[in-house]
Amino acid sequence: RTEFNGKLYDSKHEANTAASLEIRKRAKDIKDYETQYRIEAWAHRPNGERAFLVRHKVDFRIHHNDGSYELVEAKGVETTDYKWRRKFLEEIWLPEHPDHTYTVVKKG
């Protein structure tokens, strides 16, 4: 865990991403950003019934000056769990939220 600006992050890479976003905010390149942004969507059975609620916390959500949003993941290693959640995000959540885009910032 690494601290930046009074907040603990899961990795040095994630803290460095937060530092970059803070610089962009101060330069007014972006309006603002949030950390650990929660997204939720229902998974459905073939008959259309709700099966279960899928939750995922994205490392950052950037609020751009034009009013759009960008979800940002700072990733060093892509685990099996993350790959499944990314697929959910890209195929289920994002199509329902056209004002959002998704970016993965890989370490190195």
PDB file of N, CA and C in Angstrom:
ATOM      1  N   ARG A   1       0.847  -1.188   0.000  1.00  0.00           N
ATOM      2  CA  ARG A   1       0.000   0.000   0.000  1.00  0.00           C
ATOM      3  C   ARG A   1       0.884   1.239   0.000  1.00  0.00           C
ATOM      4  N   THR A   2       0.421   2.265  -0.692  1.00  0.00           N
ATOM      5  CA  THR A   2       1.186   3.501  -0.826  1.00  0.00           C
ATOM      6  C   THR A   2       0.280   4.702  -0.553  1.00  0.00           C
ATOM      7  N   GLU A   3       0.794   5.668   0.187  1.00  0.00           N
ATOM      8  CA  GLU A   3       0.030   6.855   0.527  1.00  0.00           C
ATOM      9  C   GLU A   3       0.345   7.981  -0.452  1.00  0.00           C
ATOM     10  N   PHE A   4      -0.707   8.686  -0.850  1.00  0.00           N
ATOM     11  CA  PHE A   4      -0.549   9.914  -1.626  1.00  0.00           C
ATOM     12  C   PHE A   4      -1.637  10.887  -1.199  1.00  0.00           C
ATOM     13  N   ASN A   5      -1.239  12.088  -0.854  1.00  0.00           N
ATOM     14  CA  ASN A   5      -2.178  13.152  -0.539  1.00  0.00           C
ATOM     15  C   ASN A   5      -3.153  12.770   0.585  1.00  0.00           C
ATOM     16  N   GLY A   6      -2.635  11.996   1.576  1.00  0.00           N
ATOM     17  CA  GLY A   6      -3.446  11.602   2.724  1.00  0.00           C
ATOM     18  C   GLY A   6      -4.337  10.400   2.510  1.00  0.00           C
ATOM     19  N   LYS A   7      -4.244   9.757   1.356  1.00  0.00           N
ATOM     20  CA  LYS A   7      -5.071   8.586   1.048  1.00  0.00           C
ATOM     21  C   LYS A   7      -4.189   7.382   0.744  1.00  0.00           C
ATOM     22  N   LEU A   8      -4.597   6.208   1.235  1.00  0.00           N
ATOM     23  CA  LEU A   8      -3.848   4.981   0.959  1.00  0.00           C
ATOM     24  C   LEU A   8      -4.357   4.333  -0.324  1.00  0.00           C
ATOM     25  N   TYR A   9      -3.429   3.914  -1.160  1.00  0.00           N
ATOM     26  CA  TYR A   9      -3.746   3.222  -2.409  1.00  0.00           C
ATOM     27  C   TYR A   9      -3.185   1.807  -2.354  1.00  0.00           C
ATOM     28  N   ASP A  10      -3.790   0.905  -3.143  1.00  0.00           N
ATOM     29  CA  ASP A  10      -3.402  -0.503  -3.115  1.00  0.00           C
ATOM     30  C   ASP A  10      -1.999  -0.759  -3.641  1.00  0.00           C
ATOM     31  N   SER A  11      -1.487   0.160  -4.452  1.00  0.00           N
ATOM     32  CA  SER A  11      -0.157  -0.046  -5.030  1.00  0.00           C
ATOM     33  C   SER A  11       0.508   1.294  -5.315  1.00  0.00           C
ATOM     34  N   LYS A  12       1.806   1.222  -5.542  1.00  0.00           N
ATOM     35  CA  LYS A  12       2.559   2.427  -5.922  1.00  0.00           C
ATOM     36  C   LYS A  12       2.065   2.945  -7.279  1.00  0.00           C
ATOM     37  N   HIS A  13       1.768   2.029  -8.178  1.00  0.00           N
ATOM     38  CA  HIS A  13       1.264   2.394  -9.503  1.00  0.00           C
ATOM     39  C   HIS A  13      -0.059   3.161  -9.397  1.00  0.00           C
ATOM     40  N   GLU A  14      -0.956   2.700  -8.541  1.00  0.00           N
ATOM     41  CA  GLU A  14      -2.240   3.378  -8.361  1.00  0.00           C
ATOM     42  C   GLU A  14      -2.033   4.767  -7.729  1.00  0.00           C
ATOM     43  N   ALA A  15      -1.125   4.874  -6.758  1.00  0.00           N
ATOM     44  CA  ALA A  15      -0.812   6.168  -6.143  1.00  0.00           C
ATOM     45  C   ALA A  15      -0.198   7.121  -7.165  1.00  0.00           C
ATOM     46  N   ASN A  16       0.657   6.601  -8.038  1.00  0.00           N
ATOM     47  CA  ASN A  16       1.250   7.437  -9.097  1.00  0.00           C
ATOM     48  C   ASN A  16       0.187   7.915 -10.086  1.00  0.00           C
ATOM     49  N   THR A  17      -0.782   7.058 -10.368  1.00  0.00           N
ATOM     50  CA  THR A  17      -1.884   7.454 -11.243  1.00  0.00           C
ATOM     51  C   THR A  17      -2.691   8.574 -10.588  1.00  0.00           C
ATOM     52  N   ALA A  18      -2.928   8.463  -9.288  1.00  0.00           N
ATOM     53  CA  ALA A  18      -3.632   9.515  -8.552  1.00  0.00           C
ATOM     54  C   ALA A  18      -2.841  10.825  -8.594  1.00  0.00           C
ATOM     55  N   ALA A  19      -1.530  10.740  -8.454  1.00  0.00           N
ATOM     56  CA  ALA A  19      -0.685  11.941  -8.512  1.00  0.00           C
ATOM     57  C   ALA A  19      -0.794  12.608  -9.881  1.00  0.00           C
ATOM     58  N   SER A  20      -0.807  11.809 -10.933  1.00  0.00           N
ATOM     59  CA  SER A  20      -0.953  12.349 -12.295  1.00  0.00           C
ATOM     60  C   SER A  20      -2.311  13.032 -12.474  1.00  0.00           C
ATOM     61  N   LEU A  21      -3.357  12.416 -11.929  1.00  0.00           N
ATOM     62  CA  LEU A  21      -4.687  13.004 -12.030  1.00  0.00           C
ATOM     63  C   LEU A  21      -4.772  14.312 -11.239  1.00  0.00           C
ATOM     64  N   GLU A  22      -4.098  14.360 -10.106  1.00  0.00           N
ATOM     65  CA  GLU A  22      -4.096  15.592  -9.307  1.00  0.00           C
ATOM     66  C   GLU A  22      -3.406  16.730 -10.065  1.00  0.00           C
ATOM     67  N   ILE A  23      -2.321  16.414 -10.748  1.00  0.00           N
ATOM     68  CA  ILE A  23      -1.633  17.416 -11.576  1.00  0.00           C
ATOM     69  C   ILE A  23      -2.557  17.911 -12.687  1.00  0.00           C
ATOM     70  N   ARG A  24      -3.251  16.975 -13.339  1.00  0.00           N
ATOM     71  CA  ARG A  24      -4.175  17.349 -14.411  1.00  0.00           C
ATOM     72  C   ARG A  24      -5.319  18.218 -13.884  1.00  0.00           C
ATOM     73  N   LYS A  25      -5.802  17.912 -12.682  1.00  0.00           N
ATOM     74  CA  LYS A  25      -6.881  18.705 -12.082  1.00  0.00           C
ATOM     75  C   LYS A  25      -6.389  20.125 -11.783  1.00  0.00           C
ATOM     76  N   ARG A  26      -5.219  20.252 -11.198  1.00  0.00           N
ATOM     77  CA  ARG A  26      -4.679  21.577 -10.866  1.00  0.00           C
ATOM     78  C   ARG A  26      -4.388  22.406 -12.118  1.00  0.00           C
ATOM     79  N   ALA A  27      -4.029  21.710 -13.212  1.00  0.00           N
ATOM     80  CA  ALA A  27      -3.772  22.398 -14.485  1.00  0.00           C
ATOM     81  C   ALA A  27      -5.077  22.685 -15.246  1.00  0.00           C
ATOM     82  N   LYS A  28      -6.213  22.250 -14.647  1.00  0.00           N
ATOM     83  CA  LYS A  28      -7.543  22.418 -15.246  1.00  0.00           C
ATOM     84  C   LYS A  28      -7.706  21.653 -16.561  1.00  0.00           C
ATOM     85  N   ASP A  29      -6.916  20.587 -16.719  1.00  0.00           N
ATOM     86  CA  ASP A  29      -7.048  19.688 -17.865  1.00  0.00           C
ATOM     87  C   ASP A  29      -8.278  18.796 -17.680  1.00  0.00           C
ATOM     88  N   ILE A  30      -8.621  18.518 -16.415  1.00  0.00           N
ATOM     89  CA  ILE A  30      -9.836  17.776 -16.070  1.00  0.00           C
ATOM     90  C   ILE A  30     -10.566  18.564 -14.990  1.00  0.00           C
ATOM     91  N   LYS A  31     -11.873  18.332 -14.886  1.00  0.00           N
ATOM     92  CA  LYS A  31     -12.670  19.038 -13.878  1.00  0.00           C
ATOM     93  C   LYS A  31     -12.404  18.466 -12.490  1.00  0.00           C
ATOM     94  N   ASP A  32     -12.417  17.133 -12.379  1.00  0.00           N
ATOM     95  CA  ASP A  32     -12.230  16.483 -11.083  1.00  0.00           C
ATOM     96  C   ASP A  32     -12.046  14.988 -11.299  1.00  0.00           C
ATOM     97  N   TYR A  33     -11.793  14.273 -10.214  1.00  0.00           N
ATOM     98  CA  TYR A  33     -11.731  12.811 -10.265  1.00  0.00           C
ATOM     99  C   TYR A  33     -12.164  12.243  -8.922  1.00  0.00           C
ATOM    100  N   GLU A  34     -12.641  11.014  -8.958  1.00  0.00           N
ATOM    101  CA  GLU A  34     -13.047  10.285  -7.759  1.00  0.00           C
ATOM    102  C   GLU A  34     -12.223   9.016  -7.677  1.00  0.00           C
ATOM    103  N   THR A  35     -11.998   8.548  -6.462  1.00  0.00           N
ATOM    104  CA  THR A  35     -11.305   7.275  -6.283  1.00  0.00           C
ATOM    105  C   THR A  35     -12.304   6.200  -5.869  1.00  0.00           C
ATOM    106  N   GLN A  36     -11.992   4.962  -6.198  1.00  0.00           N
ATOM    107  CA  GLN A  36     -12.811   3.810  -5.827  1.00  0.00           C
ATOM    108  C   GLN A  36     -14.285   4.015  -6.180  1.00  0.00           C
ATOM    109  N   TYR A  37     -14.528   4.324  -7.459  1.00  0.00           N
ATOM    110  CA  TYR A  37     -15.883   4.580  -7.948  1.00  0.00           C
ATOM    111  C   TYR A  37     -16.626   3.246  -8.117  1.00  0.00           C
ATOM    112  N   ARG A  38     -17.769   3.147  -7.480  1.00  0.00           N
ATOM    113  CA  ARG A  38     -18.533   1.893  -7.500  1.00  0.00           C
ATOM    114  C   ARG A  38     -19.488   1.851  -8.684  1.00  0.00           C
ATOM    115  N   ILE A  39     -19.460   0.740  -9.405  1.00  0.00           N
ATOM    116  CA  ILE A  39     -20.431   0.509 -10.476  1.00  0.00           C
ATOM    117  C   ILE A  39     -21.211  -0.754 -10.142  1.00  0.00           C
ATOM    118  N   GLU A  40     -22.464  -0.788 -10.583  1.00  0.00           N
ATOM    119  CA  GLU A  40     -23.332  -1.933 -10.331  1.00  0.00           C
ATOM    120  C   GLU A  40     -24.215  -2.175 -11.547  1.00  0.00           C
ATOM    121  N   ALA A  41     -24.516  -3.436 -11.796  1.00  0.00           N
ATOM    122  CA  ALA A  41     -25.483  -3.794 -12.834  1.00  0.00           C
ATOM    123  C   ALA A  41     -26.010  -5.189 -12.538  1.00  0.00           C
ATOM    124  N   TRP A  42     -27.216  -5.437 -12.955  1.00  0.00           N
ATOM    125  CA  TRP A  42     -27.814  -6.745 -12.747  1.00  0.00           C
ATOM    126  C   TRP A  42     -27.434  -7.702 -13.872  1.00  0.00           C
ATOM    127  N   ALA A  43     -27.088  -8.915 -13.493  1.00  0.00           N
ATOM    128  CA  ALA A  43     -26.949 -10.011 -14.447  1.00  0.00           C
ATOM    129  C   ALA A  43     -28.332 -10.659 -14.538  1.00  0.00           C
ATOM    130  N   HIS A  44     -28.723 -11.021 -15.755  1.00  0.00           N
ATOM    131  CA  HIS A  44     -30.065 -11.572 -15.963  1.00  0.00           C
ATOM    132  C   HIS A  44     -30.018 -13.018 -16.446  1.00  0.00           C
ATOM    133  N   ARG A  45     -31.054 -13.747 -16.104  1.00  0.00           N
ATOM    134  CA  ARG A  45     -31.220 -15.112 -16.610  1.00  0.00           C
ATOM    135  C   ARG A  45     -31.727 -15.031 -18.054  1.00  0.00           C
ATOM    136  N   PRO A  46     -31.632 -16.131 -18.803  1.00  0.00           N
ATOM    137  CA  PRO A  46     -32.108 -16.117 -20.200  1.00  0.00           C
ATOM    138  C   PRO A  46     -33.562 -15.673 -20.354  1.00  0.00           C
ATOM    139  N   ASN A  47     -34.407 -15.909 -19.321  1.00  0.00           N
ATOM    140  CA  ASN A  47     -35.815 -15.497 -19.408  1.00  0.00           C
ATOM    141  C   ASN A  47     -36.024 -14.027 -19.048  1.00  0.00           C
ATOM    142  N   GLY A  48     -34.938 -13.310 -18.748  1.00  0.00           N
ATOM    143  CA  GLY A  48     -35.026 -11.884 -18.446  1.00  0.00           C
ATOM    144  C   GLY A  48     -35.100 -11.549 -16.974  1.00  0.00           C
ATOM    145  N   GLU A  49     -35.289 -12.571 -16.110  1.00  0.00           N
ATOM    146  CA  GLU A  49     -35.329 -12.318 -14.668  1.00  0.00           C
ATOM    147  C   GLU A  49     -33.950 -11.913 -14.159  1.00  0.00           C
ATOM    148  N   ARG A  50     -33.960 -11.060 -13.153  1.00  0.00           N
ATOM    149  CA  ARG A  50     -32.699 -10.696 -12.513  1.00  0.00           C
ATOM    150  C   ARG A  50     -32.118 -11.904 -11.789  1.00  0.00           C
ATOM    151  N   ALA A  51     -30.831 -12.144 -11.986  1.00  0.00           N
ATOM    152  CA  ALA A  51     -30.165 -13.269 -11.334  1.00  0.00           C
ATOM    153  C   ALA A  51     -29.384 -12.792 -10.104  1.00  0.00           C
ATOM    154  N   PHE A  52     -28.508 -11.826 -10.291  1.00  0.00           N
ATOM    155  CA  PHE A  52     -27.724 -11.296  -9.178  1.00  0.00           C
ATOM    156  C   PHE A  52     -27.117  -9.958  -9.566  1.00  0.00           C
ATOM    157  N   LEU A  53     -26.787  -9.183  -8.558  1.00  0.00           N
ATOM    158  CA  LEU A  53     -26.199  -7.868  -8.755  1.00  0.00           C
ATOM    159  C   LEU A  53     -24.678  -7.998  -8.805  1.00  0.00           C
ATOM    160  N   VAL A  54     -24.073  -7.432  -9.843  1.00  0.00           N
ATOM    161  CA  VAL A  54     -22.616  -7.444  -9.980  1.00  0.00           C
ATOM    162  C   VAL A  54     -22.101  -6.072  -9.565  1.00  0.00           C
ATOM    163  N   ARG A  55     -21.115  -6.071  -8.666  1.00  0.00           N
ATOM    164  CA  ARG A  55     -20.510  -4.818  -8.201  1.00  0.00           C
ATOM    165  C   ARG A  55     -19.026  -4.834  -8.506  1.00  0.00           C
ATOM    166  N   HIS A  56     -18.514  -3.652  -8.800  1.00  0.00           N
ATOM    167  CA  HIS A  56     -17.081  -3.517  -9.064  1.00  0.00           C
ATOM    168  C   HIS A  56     -16.662  -2.104  -8.696  1.00  0.00           C
ATOM    169  N   LYS A  57     -15.510  -1.968  -8.072  1.00  0.00           N
ATOM    170  CA  LYS A  57     -14.959  -0.646  -7.787  1.00  0.00           C
ATOM    171  C   LYS A  57     -13.844  -0.374  -8.778  1.00  0.00           C
ATOM    172  N   VAL A  58     -14.014   0.691  -9.535  1.00  0.00           N
ATOM    173  CA  VAL A  58     -13.011   1.127 -10.494  1.00  0.00           C
ATOM    174  C   VAL A  58     -12.072   2.076  -9.743  1.00  0.00           C
ATOM    175  N   ASP A  59     -10.780   2.001 -10.040  1.00  0.00           N
ATOM    176  CA  ASP A  59      -9.807   2.800  -9.303  1.00  0.00           C
ATOM    177  C   ASP A  59     -10.126   4.296  -9.328  1.00  0.00           C
ATOM    178  N   PHE A  60     -10.494   4.819 -10.504  1.00  0.00           N
ATOM    179  CA  PHE A  60     -10.759   6.255 -10.635  1.00  0.00           C
ATOM    180  C   PHE A  60     -11.883   6.509 -11.627  1.00  0.00           C
ATOM    181  N   ARG A  61     -12.624   7.597 -11.396  1.00  0.00           N
ATOM    182  CA  ARG A  61     -13.559   8.114 -12.388  1.00  0.00           C
ATOM    183  C   ARG A  61     -13.201   9.577 -12.601  1.00  0.00           C
ATOM    184  N   ILE A  62     -12.822   9.900 -13.823  1.00  0.00           N
ATOM    185  CA  ILE A  62     -12.447  11.269 -14.183  1.00  0.00           C
ATOM    186  C   ILE A  62     -13.673  11.984 -14.727  1.00  0.00           C
ATOM    187  N   HIS A  63     -13.880  13.213 -14.251  1.00  0.00           N
ATOM    188  CA  HIS A  63     -14.927  14.073 -14.792  1.00  0.00           C
ATOM    189  C   HIS A  63     -14.232  15.073 -15.708  1.00  0.00           C
ATOM    190  N   HIS A  64     -14.418  14.887 -17.007  1.00  0.00           N
ATOM    191  CA  HIS A  64     -13.770  15.757 -17.991  1.00  0.00           C
ATOM    192  C   HIS A  64     -14.482  17.103 -18.088  1.00  0.00           C
ATOM    193  N   ASN A  65     -13.773  18.068 -18.602  1.00  0.00           N
ATOM    194  CA  ASN A  65     -14.315  19.424 -18.727  1.00  0.00           C
ATOM    195  C   ASN A  65     -15.541  19.494 -19.638  1.00  0.00           C
ATOM    196  N   ASP A  66     -15.650  18.565 -20.592  1.00  0.00           N
ATOM    197  CA  ASP A  66     -16.790  18.581 -21.518  1.00  0.00           C
ATOM    198  C   ASP A  66     -18.032  17.880 -20.951  1.00  0.00           C
ATOM    199  N   GLY A  67     -17.945  17.417 -19.689  1.00  0.00           N
ATOM    200  CA  GLY A  67     -19.088  16.755 -19.055  1.00  0.00           C
ATOM    201  C   GLY A  67     -19.071  15.246 -19.160  1.00  0.00           C
ATOM    202  N   SER A  68     -18.165  14.687 -19.938  1.00  0.00           N
ATOM    203  CA  SER A  68     -18.067  13.234 -20.053  1.00  0.00           C
ATOM    204  C   SER A  68     -17.255  12.669 -18.889  1.00  0.00           C
ATOM    205  N   TYR A  69     -17.310  11.353 -18.761  1.00  0.00           N
ATOM    206  CA  TYR A  69     -16.597  10.662 -17.690  1.00  0.00           C
ATOM    207  C   TYR A  69     -15.705   9.577 -18.283  1.00  0.00           C
ATOM    208  N   GLU A  70     -14.631   9.287 -17.567  1.00  0.00           N
ATOM    209  CA  GLU A  70     -13.718   8.214 -17.968  1.00  0.00           C
ATOM    210  C   GLU A  70     -13.409   7.381 -16.735  1.00  0.00           C
ATOM    211  N   LEU A  71     -13.656   6.080 -16.834  1.00  0.00           N
ATOM    212  CA  LEU A  71     -13.283   5.152 -15.778  1.00  0.00           C
ATOM    213  C   LEU A  71     -11.854   4.711 -16.043  1.00  0.00           C
ATOM    214  N   VAL A  72     -11.028   4.717 -15.003  1.00  0.00           N
ATOM    215  CA  VAL A  72      -9.615   4.390 -15.165  1.00  0.00           C
ATOM    216  C   VAL A  72      -9.224   3.330 -14.150  1.00  0.00           C
ATOM    217  N   GLU A  73      -8.620   2.250 -14.644  1.00  0.00           N
ATOM    218  CA  GLU A  73      -8.046   1.205 -13.797  1.00  0.00           C
ATOM    219  C   GLU A  73      -6.535   1.283 -13.911  1.00  0.00           C
ATOM    220  N   ALA A  74      -5.855   1.316 -12.781  1.00  0.00           N
ATOM    221  CA  ALA A  74      -4.395   1.262 -12.743  1.00  0.00           C
ATOM    222  C   ALA A  74      -4.021  -0.183 -12.438  1.00  0.00           C
ATOM    223  N   LYS A  75      -3.510  -0.898 -13.437  1.00  0.00           N
ATOM    224  CA  LYS A  75      -3.267  -2.338 -13.292  1.00  0.00           C
ATOM    225  C   LYS A  75      -1.812  -2.702 -13.501  1.00  0.00           C
ATOM    226  N   GLY A  76      -1.306  -3.499 -12.575  1.00  0.00           N
ATOM    227  CA  GLY A  76       0.008  -4.099 -12.729  1.00  0.00           C
ATOM    228  C   GLY A  76      -0.154  -5.512 -13.270  1.00  0.00           C
ATOM    229  N   VAL A  77      -1.096  -6.246 -12.674  1.00  0.00           N
ATOM    230  CA  VAL A  77      -1.370  -7.633 -13.053  1.00  0.00           C
ATOM    231  C   VAL A  77      -2.872  -7.787 -13.266  1.00  0.00           C
ATOM    232  N   GLU A  78      -3.243  -8.429 -14.353  1.00  0.00           N
ATOM    233  CA  GLU A  78      -4.653  -8.680 -14.626  1.00  0.00           C
ATOM    234  C   GLU A  78      -5.026 -10.064 -14.109  1.00  0.00           C
ATOM    235  N   THR A  79      -5.705 -10.102 -12.959  1.00  0.00           N
ATOM    236  CA  THR A  79      -6.118 -11.372 -12.363  1.00  0.00           C
ATOM    237  C   THR A  79      -7.334 -11.929 -13.097  1.00  0.00           C
ATOM    238  N   THR A  80      -7.647 -13.183 -12.838  1.00  0.00           N
ATOM    239  CA  THR A  80      -8.829 -13.807 -13.430  1.00  0.00           C
ATOM    240  C   THR A  80     -10.085 -13.063 -13.002  1.00  0.00           C
ATOM    241  N   ASP A  81     -10.170 -12.694 -11.726  1.00  0.00           N
ATOM    242  CA  ASP A  81     -11.325 -11.957 -11.232  1.00  0.00           C
ATOM    243  C   ASP A  81     -11.455 -10.614 -11.944  1.00  0.00           C
ATOM    244  N   TYR A  82     -10.355  -9.911 -12.116  1.00  0.00           N
ATOM    245  CA  TYR A  82     -10.394  -8.621 -12.808  1.00  0.00           C
ATOM    246  C   TYR A  82     -10.846  -8.794 -14.258  1.00  0.00           C
ATOM    247  N   LYS A  83     -10.354  -9.824 -14.938  1.00  0.00           N
ATOM    248  CA  LYS A  83     -10.734 -10.038 -16.341  1.00  0.00           C
ATOM    249  C   LYS A  83     -12.246 -10.237 -16.470  1.00  0.00           C
ATOM    250  N   TRP A  84     -12.837 -10.979 -15.518  1.00  0.00           N
ATOM    251  CA  TRP A  84     -14.276 -11.208 -15.540  1.00  0.00           C
ATOM    252  C   TRP A  84     -15.016  -9.895 -15.304  1.00  0.00           C
ATOM    253  N   ARG A  85     -14.565  -9.107 -14.324  1.00  0.00           N
ATOM    254  CA  ARG A  85     -15.219  -7.831 -14.014  1.00  0.00           C
ATOM    255  C   ARG A  85     -15.056  -6.825 -15.155  1.00  0.00           C
ATOM    256  N   ARG A  86     -13.916  -6.864 -15.824  1.00  0.00           N
ATOM    257  CA  ARG A  86     -13.710  -5.980 -16.971  1.00  0.00           C
ATOM    258  C   ARG A  86     -14.687  -6.328 -18.096  1.00  0.00           C
ATOM    259  N   LYS A  87     -14.869  -7.619 -18.327  1.00  0.00           N
ATOM    260  CA  LYS A  87     -15.810  -8.053 -19.361  1.00  0.00           C
ATOM    261  C   LYS A  87     -17.225  -7.577 -19.020  1.00  0.00           C
ATOM    262  N   PHE A  88     -17.622  -7.729 -17.768  1.00  0.00           N
ATOM    263  CA  PHE A  88     -18.921  -7.224 -17.305  1.00  0.00           C
ATOM    264  C   PHE A  88     -19.037  -5.722 -17.554  1.00  0.00           C
ATOM    265  N   LEU A  89     -17.996  -4.999 -17.194  1.00  0.00           N
ATOM    266  CA  LEU A  89     -17.988  -3.543 -17.354  1.00  0.00           C
ATOM    267  C   LEU A  89     -18.138  -3.156 -18.823  1.00  0.00           C
ATOM    268  N   GLU A  90     -17.341  -3.778 -19.680  1.00  0.00           N
ATOM    269  CA  GLU A  90     -17.338  -3.410 -21.099  1.00  0.00           C
ATOM    270  C   GLU A  90     -18.607  -3.853 -21.836  1.00  0.00           C
ATOM    271  N   GLU A  91     -19.151  -5.013 -21.468  1.00  0.00           N
ATOM    272  CA  GLU A  91     -20.282  -5.555 -22.227  1.00  0.00           C
ATOM    273  C   GLU A  91     -21.655  -5.245 -21.636  1.00  0.00           C
ATOM    274  N   ILE A  92     -21.717  -4.973 -20.346  1.00  0.00           N
ATOM    275  CA  ILE A  92     -23.009  -4.724 -19.701  1.00  0.00           C
ATOM    276  C   ILE A  92     -23.144  -3.270 -19.242  1.00  0.00           C
ATOM    277  N   TRP A  93     -22.192  -2.797 -18.438  1.00  0.00           N
ATOM    278  CA  TRP A  93     -22.337  -1.479 -17.812  1.00  0.00           C
ATOM    279  C   TRP A  93     -22.114  -0.333 -18.792  1.00  0.00           C
ATOM    280  N   LEU A  94     -21.017  -0.358 -19.545  1.00  0.00           N
ATOM    281  CA  LEU A  94     -20.699   0.765 -20.447  1.00  0.00           C
ATOM    282  C   LEU A  94     -21.770   1.039 -21.501  1.00  0.00           C
ATOM    283  N   PRO A  95     -22.349   0.016 -22.146  1.00  0.00           N
ATOM    284  CA  PRO A  95     -23.403   0.315 -23.125  1.00  0.00           C
ATOM    285  C   PRO A  95     -24.604   1.045 -22.517  1.00  0.00           C
ATOM    286  N   GLU A  96     -24.835   0.855 -21.213  1.00  0.00           N
ATOM    287  CA  GLU A  96     -25.928   1.540 -20.534  1.00  0.00           C
ATOM    288  C   GLU A  96     -25.536   2.940 -20.060  1.00  0.00           C
ATOM    289  N   HIS A  97     -24.240   3.279 -20.185  1.00  0.00           N
ATOM    290  CA  HIS A  97     -23.731   4.577 -19.728  1.00  0.00           C
ATOM    291  C   HIS A  97     -22.859   5.190 -20.834  1.00  0.00           C
ATOM    292  N   PRO A  98     -23.488   5.684 -21.907  1.00  0.00           N
ATOM    293  CA  PRO A  98     -22.722   6.176 -23.060  1.00  0.00           C
ATOM    294  C   PRO A  98     -21.885   7.429 -22.783  1.00  0.00           C
ATOM    295  N   ASP A  99     -22.094   8.066 -21.640  1.00  0.00           N
ATOM    296  CA  ASP A  99     -21.290   9.241 -21.292  1.00  0.00           C
ATOM    297  C   ASP A  99     -19.978   8.854 -20.606  1.00  0.00           C
ATOM    298  N   HIS A 100     -19.714   7.543 -20.497  1.00  0.00           N
ATOM    299  CA  HIS A 100     -18.500   7.034 -19.863  1.00  0.00           C
ATOM    300  C   HIS A 100     -17.641   6.273 -20.883  1.00  0.00           C
ATOM    301  N   THR A 101     -16.334   6.407 -20.736  1.00  0.00           N
ATOM    302  CA  THR A 101     -15.384   5.572 -21.463  1.00  0.00           C
ATOM    303  C   THR A 101     -14.552   4.827 -20.419  1.00  0.00           C
ATOM    304  N   TYR A 102     -13.716   3.890 -20.888  1.00  0.00           N
ATOM    305  CA  TYR A 102     -12.958   3.044 -19.972  1.00  0.00           C
ATOM    306  C   TYR A 102     -11.519   2.928 -20.456  1.00  0.00           C
ATOM    307  N   THR A 103     -10.583   3.146 -19.539  1.00  0.00           N
ATOM    308  CA  THR A 103      -9.157   3.083 -19.861  1.00  0.00           C
ATOM    309  C   THR A 103      -8.447   2.262 -18.797  1.00  0.00           C
ATOM    310  N   VAL A 104      -7.531   1.411 -19.245  1.00  0.00           N
ATOM    311  CA  VAL A 104      -6.674   0.668 -18.327  1.00  0.00           C
ATOM    312  C   VAL A 104      -5.267   1.227 -18.458  1.00  0.00           C
ATOM    313  N   VAL A 105      -4.718   1.689 -17.344  1.00  0.00           N
ATOM    314  CA  VAL A 105      -3.348   2.220 -17.319  1.00  0.00           C
ATOM    315  C   VAL A 105      -2.475   1.111 -16.775  1.00  0.00           C
ATOM    316  N   LYS A 106      -1.683   0.505 -17.669  1.00  0.00           N
ATOM    317  CA  LYS A 106      -0.840  -0.615 -17.247  1.00  0.00           C
ATOM    318  C   LYS A 106       0.495  -0.139 -16.724  1.00  0.00           C
ATOM    319  N   LYS A 107       0.981  -0.853 -15.726  1.00  0.00           N
ATOM    320  CA  LYS A 107       2.261  -0.539 -15.114  1.00  0.00           C
ATOM    321  C   LYS A 107       3.390  -0.782 -16.105  1.00  0.00           C
ATOM    322  N   GLY A 108       4.330   0.169 -16.142  1.00  0.00           N
ATOM    323  CA  GLY A 108       5.507   0.003 -17.005  1.00  0.00           C
ATOM    324  C   GLY A 108       5.199   0.412 -18.370  1.00  0.00           C
TER     325      GLY A 108
END
